[in-house]
Amino acid sequence: MKPKVGYRWHLRRLMAEQGMFQTTELVPLLAERGVELSREQVYRLAVKTPQRLNLEVLAALCDILDCDPGDLIECHRDDAGRRASSSTEPATSPLPRPRRARVARDGPQA
């Protein structure tokens, strides 16, 4: 049986981590970056998993949320229909993705 691949969309979670709980908060932030979407389009983008995504929108979201595309889109492979080749193989669990370091700059030195 062929494995099925898919993805999970984490926009809503990343927005909450940034303190954004209203999808309308994204509209002006996207517009500042040259992406004009209606309130309804932004709502659908945040609430539903998009099937297609413009790369300009993806880049703007990454800039707004200070994240990488891999933080927004988590790809996965469903191997439920496949048998394990050996019972001695360790179960694989997804490892947490590394986070981008934030460098704090000190003020002028005296």
PDB file of N, CA and C in Angstrom:
ATOM      1  N   MET A   1       0.838  -1.184   0.000  1.00  0.00           N
ATOM      2  CA  MET A   1       0.000   0.000   0.000  1.00  0.00           C
ATOM      3  C   MET A   1       0.882   1.246   0.000  1.00  0.00           C
ATOM      4  N   LYS A   2       0.539   2.177  -0.834  1.00  0.00           N
ATOM      5  CA  LYS A   2       1.311   3.406  -0.927  1.00  0.00           C
ATOM      6  C   LYS A   2       1.025   4.297   0.279  1.00  0.00           C
ATOM      7  N   PRO A   3       2.084   4.920   0.819  1.00  0.00           N
ATOM      8  CA  PRO A   3       1.853   5.835   1.938  1.00  0.00           C
ATOM      9  C   PRO A   3       1.160   7.099   1.454  1.00  0.00           C
ATOM     10  N   LYS A   4       0.368   7.684   2.313  1.00  0.00           N
ATOM     11  CA  LYS A   4      -0.317   8.931   1.993  1.00  0.00           C
ATOM     12  C   LYS A   4       0.425  10.070   2.683  1.00  0.00           C
ATOM     13  N   VAL A   5       0.699  11.110   1.926  1.00  0.00           N
ATOM     14  CA  VAL A   5       1.371  12.273   2.503  1.00  0.00           C
ATOM     15  C   VAL A   5       0.358  13.396   2.685  1.00  0.00           C
ATOM     16  N   GLY A   6       0.606  14.204   3.655  1.00  0.00           N
ATOM     17  CA  GLY A   6      -0.290  15.317   3.928  1.00  0.00           C
ATOM     18  C   GLY A   6       0.459  16.412   4.675  1.00  0.00           C
ATOM     19  N   TYR A   7      -0.286  17.346   5.201  1.00  0.00           N
ATOM     20  CA  TYR A   7       0.326  18.459   5.921  1.00  0.00           C
ATOM     21  C   TYR A   7      -0.659  18.992   6.948  1.00  0.00           C
ATOM     22  N   ARG A   8      -0.102  19.650   7.929  1.00  0.00           N
ATOM     23  CA  ARG A   8      -0.896  20.325   8.957  1.00  0.00           C
ATOM     24  C   ARG A   8      -0.562  21.808   8.898  1.00  0.00           C
ATOM     25  N   TRP A   9      -1.552  22.642   9.079  1.00  0.00           N
ATOM     26  CA  TRP A   9      -1.439  24.095   8.970  1.00  0.00           C
ATOM     27  C   TRP A   9      -1.481  24.676  10.376  1.00  0.00           C
ATOM     28  N   HIS A  10      -0.445  25.403  10.765  1.00  0.00           N
ATOM     29  CA  HIS A  10      -0.318  25.891  12.139  1.00  0.00           C
ATOM     30  C   HIS A  10      -0.439  27.411  12.272  1.00  0.00           C
ATOM     31  N   LEU A  11      -1.107  28.061  11.341  1.00  0.00           N
ATOM     32  CA  LEU A  11      -1.214  29.520  11.393  1.00  0.00           C
ATOM     33  C   LEU A  11      -1.904  29.987  12.669  1.00  0.00           C
ATOM     34  N   ARG A  12      -3.008  29.369  13.006  1.00  0.00           N
ATOM     35  CA  ARG A  12      -3.773  29.802  14.188  1.00  0.00           C
ATOM     36  C   ARG A  12      -2.927  29.706  15.464  1.00  0.00           C
ATOM     37  N   ARG A  13      -2.187  28.605  15.610  1.00  0.00           N
ATOM     38  CA  ARG A  13      -1.343  28.423  16.798  1.00  0.00           C
ATOM     39  C   ARG A  13      -0.223  29.470  16.848  1.00  0.00           C
ATOM     40  N   LEU A  14       0.412  29.715  15.709  1.00  0.00           N
ATOM     41  CA  LEU A  14       1.492  30.702  15.675  1.00  0.00           C
ATOM     42  C   LEU A  14       0.975  32.111  15.946  1.00  0.00           C
ATOM     43  N   MET A  15      -0.228  32.408  15.459  1.00  0.00           N
ATOM     44  CA  MET A  15      -0.830  33.705  15.763  1.00  0.00           C
ATOM     45  C   MET A  15      -1.034  33.842  17.274  1.00  0.00           C
ATOM     46  N   ALA A  16      -1.555  32.805  17.906  1.00  0.00           N
ATOM     47  CA  ALA A  16      -1.802  32.850  19.351  1.00  0.00           C
ATOM     48  C   ALA A  16      -0.502  33.025  20.127  1.00  0.00           C
ATOM     49  N   GLU A  17       0.569  32.372  19.665  1.00  0.00           N
ATOM     50  CA  GLU A  17       1.863  32.522  20.328  1.00  0.00           C
ATOM     51  C   GLU A  17       2.373  33.961  20.251  1.00  0.00           C
ATOM     52  N   GLN A  18       1.952  34.701  19.223  1.00  0.00           N
ATOM     53  CA  GLN A  18       2.342  36.101  19.064  1.00  0.00           C
ATOM     54  C   GLN A  18       1.330  37.049  19.715  1.00  0.00           C
ATOM     55  N   GLY A  19       0.299  36.501  20.362  1.00  0.00           N
ATOM     56  CA  GLY A  19      -0.709  37.328  21.023  1.00  0.00           C
ATOM     57  C   GLY A  19      -1.783  37.844  20.087  1.00  0.00           C
ATOM     58  N   MET A  20      -1.895  37.245  18.894  1.00  0.00           N
ATOM     59  CA  MET A  20      -2.932  37.643  17.939  1.00  0.00           C
ATOM     60  C   MET A  20      -4.066  36.621  18.004  1.00  0.00           C
ATOM     61  N   PHE A  21      -5.222  37.066  18.449  1.00  0.00           N
ATOM     62  CA  PHE A  21      -6.346  36.158  18.593  1.00  0.00           C
ATOM     63  C   PHE A  21      -7.493  36.483  17.639  1.00  0.00           C
ATOM     64  N   GLN A  22      -7.400  37.593  16.943  1.00  0.00           N
ATOM     65  CA  GLN A  22      -8.407  37.980  15.957  1.00  0.00           C
ATOM     66  C   GLN A  22      -7.770  37.896  14.576  1.00  0.00           C
ATOM     67  N   THR A  23      -8.426  37.203  13.665  1.00  0.00           N
ATOM     68  CA  THR A  23      -7.866  37.083  12.318  1.00  0.00           C
ATOM     69  C   THR A  23      -7.800  38.434  11.619  1.00  0.00           C
ATOM     70  N   THR A  24      -8.660  39.359  12.011  1.00  0.00           N
ATOM     71  CA  THR A  24      -8.648  40.683  11.381  1.00  0.00           C
ATOM     72  C   THR A  24      -7.366  41.451  11.688  1.00  0.00           C
ATOM     73  N   GLU A  25      -6.630  41.038  12.722  1.00  0.00           N
ATOM     74  CA  GLU A  25      -5.363  41.695  13.039  1.00  0.00           C
ATOM     75  C   GLU A  25      -4.329  41.471  11.931  1.00  0.00           C
ATOM     76  N   LEU A  26      -4.487  40.398  11.173  1.00  0.00           N
ATOM     77  CA  LEU A  26      -3.547  40.096  10.103  1.00  0.00           C
ATOM     78  C   LEU A  26      -3.752  40.966   8.865  1.00  0.00           C
ATOM     79  N   VAL A  27      -4.976  41.440   8.639  1.00  0.00           N
ATOM     80  CA  VAL A  27      -5.292  42.178   7.407  1.00  0.00           C
ATOM     81  C   VAL A  27      -4.352  43.371   7.198  1.00  0.00           C
ATOM     82  N   PRO A  28      -4.226  44.290   8.163  1.00  0.00           N
ATOM     83  CA  PRO A  28      -3.325  45.430   7.914  1.00  0.00           C
ATOM     84  C   PRO A  28      -1.853  45.025   7.885  1.00  0.00           C
ATOM     85  N   LEU A  29      -1.474  43.997   8.638  1.00  0.00           N
ATOM     86  CA  LEU A  29      -0.079  43.553   8.634  1.00  0.00           C
ATOM     87  C   LEU A  29       0.297  42.956   7.277  1.00  0.00           C
ATOM     88  N   LEU A  30      -0.640  42.212   6.681  1.00  0.00           N
ATOM     89  CA  LEU A  30      -0.406  41.680   5.337  1.00  0.00           C
ATOM     90  C   LEU A  30      -0.349  42.818   4.320  1.00  0.00           C
ATOM     91  N   ALA A  31      -1.240  43.808   4.469  1.00  0.00           N
ATOM     92  CA  ALA A  31      -1.281  44.937   3.532  1.00  0.00           C
ATOM     93  C   ALA A  31       0.027  45.726   3.574  1.00  0.00           C
ATOM     94  N   GLU A  32       0.625  45.860   4.765  1.00  0.00           N
ATOM     95  CA  GLU A  32       1.916  46.550   4.891  1.00  0.00           C
ATOM     96  C   GLU A  32       2.994  45.864   4.057  1.00  0.00           C
ATOM     97  N   ARG A  33       2.811  44.571   3.830  1.00  0.00           N
ATOM     98  CA  ARG A  33       3.789  43.792   3.078  1.00  0.00           C
ATOM     99  C   ARG A  33       3.359  43.551   1.634  1.00  0.00           C
ATOM    100  N   GLY A  34       2.351  44.307   1.201  1.00  0.00           N
ATOM    101  CA  GLY A  34       1.912  44.245  -0.186  1.00  0.00           C
ATOM    102  C   GLY A  34       0.952  43.125  -0.513  1.00  0.00           C
ATOM    103  N   VAL A  35       0.371  42.486   0.490  1.00  0.00           N
ATOM    104  CA  VAL A  35      -0.584  41.389   0.268  1.00  0.00           C
ATOM    105  C   VAL A  35      -1.968  41.896   0.652  1.00  0.00           C
ATOM    106  N   GLU A  36      -2.812  42.094  -0.345  1.00  0.00           N
ATOM    107  CA  GLU A  36      -4.168  42.609  -0.115  1.00  0.00           C
ATOM    108  C   GLU A  36      -5.148  41.443  -0.087  1.00  0.00           C
ATOM    109  N   LEU A  37      -5.635  41.100   1.095  1.00  0.00           N
ATOM    110  CA  LEU A  37      -6.651  40.058   1.263  1.00  0.00           C
ATOM    111  C   LEU A  37      -7.815  40.639   2.055  1.00  0.00           C
ATOM    112  N   SER A  38      -9.017  40.188   1.754  1.00  0.00           N
ATOM    113  CA  SER A  38     -10.188  40.643   2.506  1.00  0.00           C
ATOM    114  C   SER A  38     -10.211  39.972   3.877  1.00  0.00           C
ATOM    115  N   ARG A  39     -11.046  40.502   4.752  1.00  0.00           N
ATOM    116  CA  ARG A  39     -11.206  39.895   6.083  1.00  0.00           C
ATOM    117  C   ARG A  39     -11.633  38.444   5.960  1.00  0.00           C
ATOM    118  N   GLU A  40     -12.524  38.173   5.017  1.00  0.00           N
ATOM    119  CA  GLU A  40     -13.027  36.816   4.827  1.00  0.00           C
ATOM    120  C   GLU A  40     -11.936  35.870   4.342  1.00  0.00           C
ATOM    121  N   GLN A  41     -11.092  36.357   3.442  1.00  0.00           N
ATOM    122  CA  GLN A  41      -9.994  35.524   2.945  1.00  0.00           C
ATOM    123  C   GLN A  41      -8.999  35.211   4.059  1.00  0.00           C
ATOM    124  N   VAL A  42      -8.691  36.198   4.880  1.00  0.00           N
ATOM    125  CA  VAL A  42      -7.763  35.983   5.989  1.00  0.00           C
ATOM    126  C   VAL A  42      -8.386  35.031   7.010  1.00  0.00           C
ATOM    127  N   TYR A  43      -9.680  35.170   7.259  1.00  0.00           N
ATOM    128  CA  TYR A  43     -10.366  34.269   8.187  1.00  0.00           C
ATOM    129  C   TYR A  43     -10.262  32.823   7.697  1.00  0.00           C
ATOM    130  N   ARG A  44     -10.551  32.602   6.414  1.00  0.00           N
ATOM    131  CA  ARG A  44     -10.455  31.247   5.859  1.00  0.00           C
ATOM    132  C   ARG A  44      -9.035  30.727   5.909  1.00  0.00           C
ATOM    133  N   LEU A  45      -8.067  31.604   5.678  1.00  0.00           N
ATOM    134  CA  LEU A  45      -6.660  31.220   5.719  1.00  0.00           C
ATOM    135  C   LEU A  45      -6.258  30.764   7.123  1.00  0.00           C
ATOM    136  N   ALA A  46      -6.792  31.419   8.137  1.00  0.00           N
ATOM    137  CA  ALA A  46      -6.436  31.083   9.516  1.00  0.00           C
ATOM    138  C   ALA A  46      -7.223  29.892  10.054  1.00  0.00           C
ATOM    139  N   VAL A  47      -8.473  29.765   9.670  1.00  0.00           N
ATOM    140  CA  VAL A  47      -9.334  28.742  10.254  1.00  0.00           C
ATOM    141  C   VAL A  47      -9.261  27.414   9.508  1.00  0.00           C
ATOM    142  N   LYS A  48      -9.128  27.454   8.198  1.00  0.00           N
ATOM    143  CA  LYS A  48      -9.095  26.237   7.403  1.00  0.00           C
ATOM    144  C   LYS A  48      -7.677  25.971   6.905  1.00  0.00           C
ATOM    145  N   THR A  49      -7.414  24.732   6.575  1.00  0.00           N
ATOM    146  CA  THR A  49      -6.120  24.372   5.991  1.00  0.00           C
ATOM    147  C   THR A  49      -6.176  24.664   4.504  1.00  0.00           C
ATOM    148  N   PRO A  50      -5.323  25.562   4.010  1.00  0.00           N
ATOM    149  CA  PRO A  50      -5.385  25.911   2.589  1.00  0.00           C
ATOM    150  C   PRO A  50      -4.890  24.766   1.703  1.00  0.00           C
ATOM    151  N   GLN A  51      -5.518  24.608   0.549  1.00  0.00           N
ATOM    152  CA  GLN A  51      -5.069  23.609  -0.425  1.00  0.00           C
ATOM    153  C   GLN A  51      -4.007  24.211  -1.335  1.00  0.00           C
ATOM    154  N   ARG A  52      -4.087  25.492  -1.565  1.00  0.00           N
ATOM    155  CA  ARG A  52      -3.099  26.220  -2.369  1.00  0.00           C
ATOM    156  C   ARG A  52      -2.725  27.477  -1.593  1.00  0.00           C
ATOM    157  N   LEU A  53      -1.462  27.888  -1.756  1.00  0.00           N
ATOM    158  CA  LEU A  53      -1.011  29.068  -1.029  1.00  0.00           C
ATOM    159  C   LEU A  53      -0.014  29.828  -1.881  1.00  0.00           C
ATOM    160  N   ASN A  54      -0.286  31.093  -2.098  1.00  0.00           N
ATOM    161  CA  ASN A  54       0.598  31.971  -2.836  1.00  0.00           C
ATOM    162  C   ASN A  54       1.878  32.161  -2.022  1.00  0.00           C
ATOM    163  N   LEU A  55       3.034  32.085  -2.681  1.00  0.00           N
ATOM    164  CA  LEU A  55       4.298  32.218  -1.967  1.00  0.00           C
ATOM    165  C   LEU A  55       4.492  33.614  -1.375  1.00  0.00           C
ATOM    166  N   GLU A  56       3.898  34.640  -1.991  1.00  0.00           N
ATOM    167  CA  GLU A  56       3.980  35.984  -1.410  1.00  0.00           C
ATOM    168  C   GLU A  56       3.232  36.030  -0.078  1.00  0.00           C
ATOM    169  N   VAL A  57       2.097  35.343  -0.002  1.00  0.00           N
ATOM    170  CA  VAL A  57       1.334  35.276   1.248  1.00  0.00           C
ATOM    171  C   VAL A  57       2.143  34.516   2.291  1.00  0.00           C
ATOM    172  N   LEU A  58       2.733  33.397   1.891  1.00  0.00           N
ATOM    173  CA  LEU A  58       3.544  32.600   2.812  1.00  0.00           C
ATOM    174  C   LEU A  58       4.717  33.423   3.353  1.00  0.00           C
ATOM    175  N   ALA A  59       5.412  34.132   2.471  1.00  0.00           N
ATOM    176  CA  ALA A  59       6.542  34.957   2.895  1.00  0.00           C
ATOM    177  C   ALA A  59       6.091  36.062   3.850  1.00  0.00           C
ATOM    178  N   ALA A  60       4.954  36.688   3.559  1.00  0.00           N
ATOM    179  CA  ALA A  60       4.435  37.752   4.426  1.00  0.00           C
ATOM    180  C   ALA A  60       4.060  37.193   5.799  1.00  0.00           C
ATOM    181  N   LEU A  61       3.413  36.027   5.822  1.00  0.00           N
ATOM    182  CA  LEU A  61       3.044  35.411   7.101  1.00  0.00           C
ATOM    183  C   LEU A  61       4.289  35.067   7.913  1.00  0.00           C
ATOM    184  N   CYS A  62       5.312  34.552   7.250  1.00  0.00           N
ATOM    185  CA  CYS A  62       6.559  34.226   7.945  1.00  0.00           C
ATOM    186  C   CYS A  62       7.202  35.480   8.524  1.00  0.00           C
ATOM    187  N   ASP A  63       7.150  36.577   7.784  1.00  0.00           N
ATOM    188  CA  ASP A  63       7.711  37.829   8.271  1.00  0.00           C
ATOM    189  C   ASP A  63       6.914  38.358   9.461  1.00  0.00           C
ATOM    190  N   ILE A  64       5.606  38.319   9.361  1.00  0.00           N
ATOM    191  CA  ILE A  64       4.736  38.819  10.436  1.00  0.00           C
ATOM    192  C   ILE A  64       4.931  37.999  11.704  1.00  0.00           C
ATOM    193  N   LEU A  65       4.978  36.680  11.568  1.00  0.00           N
ATOM    194  CA  LEU A  65       5.036  35.785  12.720  1.00  0.00           C
ATOM    195  C   LEU A  65       6.467  35.433  13.127  1.00  0.00           C
ATOM    196  N   ASP A  66       7.455  35.991  12.409  1.00  0.00           N
ATOM    197  CA  ASP A  66       8.868  35.727  12.687  1.00  0.00           C
ATOM    198  C   ASP A  66       9.122  34.218  12.778  1.00  0.00           C
ATOM    199  N   CYS A  67       8.750  33.525  11.699  1.00  0.00           N
ATOM    200  CA  CYS A  67       8.903  32.075  11.661  1.00  0.00           C
ATOM    201  C   CYS A  67       9.387  31.653  10.286  1.00  0.00           C
ATOM    202  N   ASP A  68       9.628  30.373  10.139  1.00  0.00           N
ATOM    203  CA  ASP A  68      10.018  29.795   8.861  1.00  0.00           C
ATOM    204  C   ASP A  68       8.817  29.067   8.260  1.00  0.00           C
ATOM    205  N   PRO A  69       8.824  28.817   6.951  1.00  0.00           N
ATOM    206  CA  PRO A  69       7.701  28.089   6.345  1.00  0.00           C
ATOM    207  C   PRO A  69       7.430  26.739   7.014  1.00  0.00           C
ATOM    208  N   GLY A  70       8.478  26.073   7.484  1.00  0.00           N
ATOM    209  CA  GLY A  70       8.308  24.787   8.155  1.00  0.00           C
ATOM    210  C   GLY A  70       7.570  24.885   9.477  1.00  0.00           C
ATOM    211  N   ASP A  71       7.545  26.087  10.065  1.00  0.00           N
ATOM    212  CA  ASP A  71       6.781  26.287  11.296  1.00  0.00           C
ATOM    213  C   ASP A  71       5.284  26.386  10.989  1.00  0.00           C
ATOM    214  N   LEU A  72       4.950  26.930   9.827  1.00  0.00           N
ATOM    215  CA  LEU A  72       3.553  27.066   9.418  1.00  0.00           C
ATOM    216  C   LEU A  72       2.992  25.774   8.836  1.00  0.00           C
ATOM    217  N   ILE A  73       3.822  25.083   8.062  1.00  0.00           N
ATOM    218  CA  ILE A  73       3.372  23.887   7.354  1.00  0.00           C
ATOM    219  C   ILE A  73       4.165  22.699   7.860  1.00  0.00           C
ATOM    220  N   GLU A  74       3.473  21.760   8.466  1.00  0.00           N
ATOM    221  CA  GLU A  74       4.118  20.542   8.951  1.00  0.00           C
ATOM    222  C   GLU A  74       3.711  19.400   8.034  1.00  0.00           C
ATOM    223  N   CYS A  75       4.669  18.854   7.312  1.00  0.00           N
ATOM    224  CA  CYS A  75       4.384  17.733   6.411  1.00  0.00           C
ATOM    225  C   CYS A  75       4.438  16.436   7.207  1.00  0.00           C
ATOM    226  N   HIS A  76       3.575  15.507   6.830  1.00  0.00           N
ATOM    227  CA  HIS A  76       3.592  14.206   7.495  1.00  0.00           C
ATOM    228  C   HIS A  76       3.286  13.111   6.485  1.00  0.00           C
ATOM    229  N   ARG A  77       3.639  11.918   6.862  1.00  0.00           N
ATOM    230  CA  ARG A  77       3.430  10.746   6.025  1.00  0.00           C
ATOM    231  C   ARG A  77       2.647   9.733   6.830  1.00  0.00           C
ATOM    232  N   ASP A  78       1.523   9.297   6.311  1.00  0.00           N
ATOM    233  CA  ASP A  78       0.664   8.342   6.999  1.00  0.00           C
ATOM    234  C   ASP A  78       1.052   6.937   6.559  1.00  0.00           C
ATOM    235  N   ASP A  79       1.753   6.215   7.421  1.00  0.00           N
ATOM    236  CA  ASP A  79       2.184   4.852   7.127  1.00  0.00           C
ATOM    237  C   ASP A  79       1.270   3.826   7.786  1.00  0.00           C
ATOM    238  N   ALA A  80       0.058   4.188   8.130  1.00  0.00           N
ATOM    239  CA  ALA A  80      -0.838   3.280   8.849  1.00  0.00           C
ATOM    240  C   ALA A  80      -1.098   1.999   8.070  1.00  0.00           C
ATOM    241  N   GLY A  81      -1.118   2.078   6.751  1.00  0.00           N
ATOM    242  CA  GLY A  81      -1.420   0.899   5.946  1.00  0.00           C
ATOM    243  C   GLY A  81      -0.220   0.018   5.688  1.00  0.00           C
ATOM    244  N   ARG A  82       0.977   0.427   6.077  1.00  0.00           N
ATOM    245  CA  ARG A  82       2.180  -0.352   5.810  1.00  0.00           C
ATOM    246  C   ARG A  82       2.568  -1.164   7.024  1.00  0.00           C
ATOM    247  N   ARG A  83       3.107  -2.366   6.780  1.00  0.00           N
ATOM    248  CA  ARG A  83       3.598  -3.195   7.869  1.00  0.00           C
ATOM    249  C   ARG A  83       5.041  -2.819   8.167  1.00  0.00           C
ATOM    250  N   ALA A  84       5.404  -2.909   9.422  1.00  0.00           N
ATOM    251  CA  ALA A  84       6.796  -2.663   9.792  1.00  0.00           C
ATOM    252  C   ALA A  84       7.636  -3.828   9.308  1.00  0.00           C
ATOM    253  N   SER A  85       8.826  -3.550   8.781  1.00  0.00           N
ATOM    254  CA  SER A  85       9.677  -4.605   8.243  1.00  0.00           C
ATOM    255  C   SER A  85      10.303  -5.430   9.352  1.00  0.00           C
ATOM    256  N   SER A  86      10.423  -4.862  10.537  1.00  0.00           N
ATOM    257  CA  SER A  86      11.017  -5.595  11.643  1.00  0.00           C
ATOM    258  C   SER A  86      10.438  -5.068  12.938  1.00  0.00           C
ATOM    259  N   SER A  87      10.192  -5.981  13.862  1.00  0.00           N
ATOM    260  CA  SER A  87       9.641  -5.546  15.146  1.00  0.00           C
ATOM    261  C   SER A  87      10.713  -4.945  16.038  1.00  0.00           C
ATOM    262  N   THR A  88      11.991  -5.063  15.625  1.00  0.00           N
ATOM    263  CA  THR A  88      13.073  -4.502  16.431  1.00  0.00           C
ATOM    264  C   THR A  88      13.368  -3.054  16.082  1.00  0.00           C
ATOM    265  N   GLU A  89      12.722  -2.527  15.029  1.00  0.00           N
ATOM    266  CA  GLU A  89      12.945  -1.130  14.661  1.00  0.00           C
ATOM    267  C   GLU A  89      12.328  -0.221  15.709  1.00  0.00           C
ATOM    268  N   PRO A  90      13.076   0.799  16.131  1.00  0.00           N
ATOM    269  CA  PRO A  90      12.505   1.723  17.118  1.00  0.00           C
ATOM    270  C   PRO A  90      11.386   2.545  16.497  1.00  0.00           C
ATOM    271  N   ALA A  91      10.409   2.855  17.307  1.00  0.00           N
ATOM    272  CA  ALA A  91       9.314   3.711  16.842  1.00  0.00           C
ATOM    273  C   ALA A  91       9.874   5.116  16.644  1.00  0.00           C
ATOM    274  N   THR A  92       9.576   5.696  15.507  1.00  0.00           N
ATOM    275  CA  THR A  92      10.074   7.041  15.239  1.00  0.00           C
ATOM    276  C   THR A  92       9.020   8.053  15.635  1.00  0.00           C
ATOM    277  N   SER A  93       9.450   9.056  16.332  1.00  0.00           N
ATOM    278  CA  SER A  93       8.543  10.145  16.692  1.00  0.00           C
ATOM    279  C   SER A  93       9.118  11.415  16.091  1.00  0.00           C
ATOM    280  N   PRO A  94       8.245  12.330  15.678  1.00  0.00           N
ATOM    281  CA  PRO A  94       8.755  13.561  15.071  1.00  0.00           C
ATOM    282  C   PRO A  94       9.553  14.365  16.096  1.00  0.00           C
ATOM    283  N   LEU A  95      10.704  14.809  15.673  1.00  0.00           N
ATOM    284  CA  LEU A  95      11.545  15.636  16.540  1.00  0.00           C
ATOM    285  C   LEU A  95      11.079  17.076  16.460  1.00  0.00           C
ATOM    286  N   PRO A  96      11.211  17.810  17.554  1.00  0.00           N
ATOM    287  CA  PRO A  96      10.827  19.221  17.488  1.00  0.00           C
ATOM    288  C   PRO A  96      11.737  19.965  16.518  1.00  0.00           C
ATOM    289  N   ARG A  97      11.155  20.884  15.789  1.00  0.00           N
ATOM    290  CA  ARG A  97      11.932  21.677  14.829  1.00  0.00           C
ATOM    291  C   ARG A  97      12.707  22.741  15.588  1.00  0.00           C
ATOM    292  N   PRO A  98      13.953  22.979  15.180  1.00  0.00           N
ATOM    293  CA  PRO A  98      14.721  24.030  15.851  1.00  0.00           C
ATOM    294  C   PRO A  98      14.097  25.401  15.619  1.00  0.00           C
ATOM    295  N   ARG A  99      14.214  26.254  16.583  1.00  0.00           N
ATOM    296  CA  ARG A  99      13.700  27.612  16.490  1.00  0.00           C
ATOM    297  C   ARG A  99      14.833  28.561  16.133  1.00  0.00           C
ATOM    298  N   ARG A 100      14.504  29.588  15.382  1.00  0.00           N
ATOM    299  CA  ARG A 100      15.477  30.608  15.018  1.00  0.00           C
ATOM    300  C   ARG A 100      15.890  31.368  16.275  1.00  0.00           C
ATOM    301  N   ALA A 101      17.189  31.537  16.442  1.00  0.00           N
ATOM    302  CA  ALA A 101      17.706  32.282  17.588  1.00  0.00           C
ATOM    303  C   ALA A 101      17.423  33.766  17.410  1.00  0.00           C
ATOM    304  N   ARG A 102      17.116  34.430  18.489  1.00  0.00           N
ATOM    305  CA  ARG A 102      16.911  35.872  18.457  1.00  0.00           C
ATOM    306  C   ARG A 102      18.082  36.516  19.192  1.00  0.00           C
ATOM    307  N   VAL A 103      18.781  37.347  18.486  1.00  0.00           N
ATOM    308  CA  VAL A 103      19.958  37.988  19.050  1.00  0.00           C
ATOM    309  C   VAL A 103      19.571  39.370  19.549  1.00  0.00           C
ATOM    310  N   ALA A 104      19.778  39.589  20.835  1.00  0.00           N
ATOM    311  CA  ALA A 104      19.489  40.885  21.431  1.00  0.00           C
ATOM    312  C   ALA A 104      20.734  41.737  21.341  1.00  0.00           C
ATOM    313  N   ARG A 105      20.577  42.911  20.822  1.00  0.00           N
ATOM    314  CA  ARG A 105      21.715  43.822  20.687  1.00  0.00           C
ATOM    315  C   ARG A 105      21.779  44.722  21.927  1.00  0.00           C
ATOM    316  N   ASP A 106      22.968  44.846  22.461  1.00  0.00           N
ATOM    317  CA  ASP A 106      23.161  45.743  23.604  1.00  0.00           C
ATOM    318  C   ASP A 106      23.220  47.176  23.123  1.00  0.00           C
ATOM    319  N   GLY A 107      22.878  48.066  23.978  1.00  0.00           N
ATOM    320  CA  GLY A 107      22.950  49.479  23.655  1.00  0.00           C
ATOM    321  C   GLY A 107      24.390  49.934  23.560  1.00  0.00           C
ATOM    322  N   PRO A 108      24.613  51.214  23.283  1.00  0.00           N
ATOM    323  CA  PRO A 108      25.988  51.722  23.160  1.00  0.00           C
ATOM    324  C   PRO A 108      26.761  51.504  24.453  1.00  0.00           C
ATOM    325  N   GLN A 109      27.997  51.081  24.297  1.00  0.00           N
ATOM    326  CA  GLN A 109      28.879  50.841  25.459  1.00  0.00           C
ATOM    327  C   GLN A 109      29.515  52.147  25.899  1.00  0.00           C
ATOM    328  N   ALA A 110      29.609  52.327  27.193  1.00  0.00           N
ATOM    329  CA  ALA A 110      30.211  53.565  27.721  1.00  0.00           C
ATOM    330  C   ALA A 110      31.678  53.421  27.924  1.00  0.00           C
TER     331      ALA A 110
END
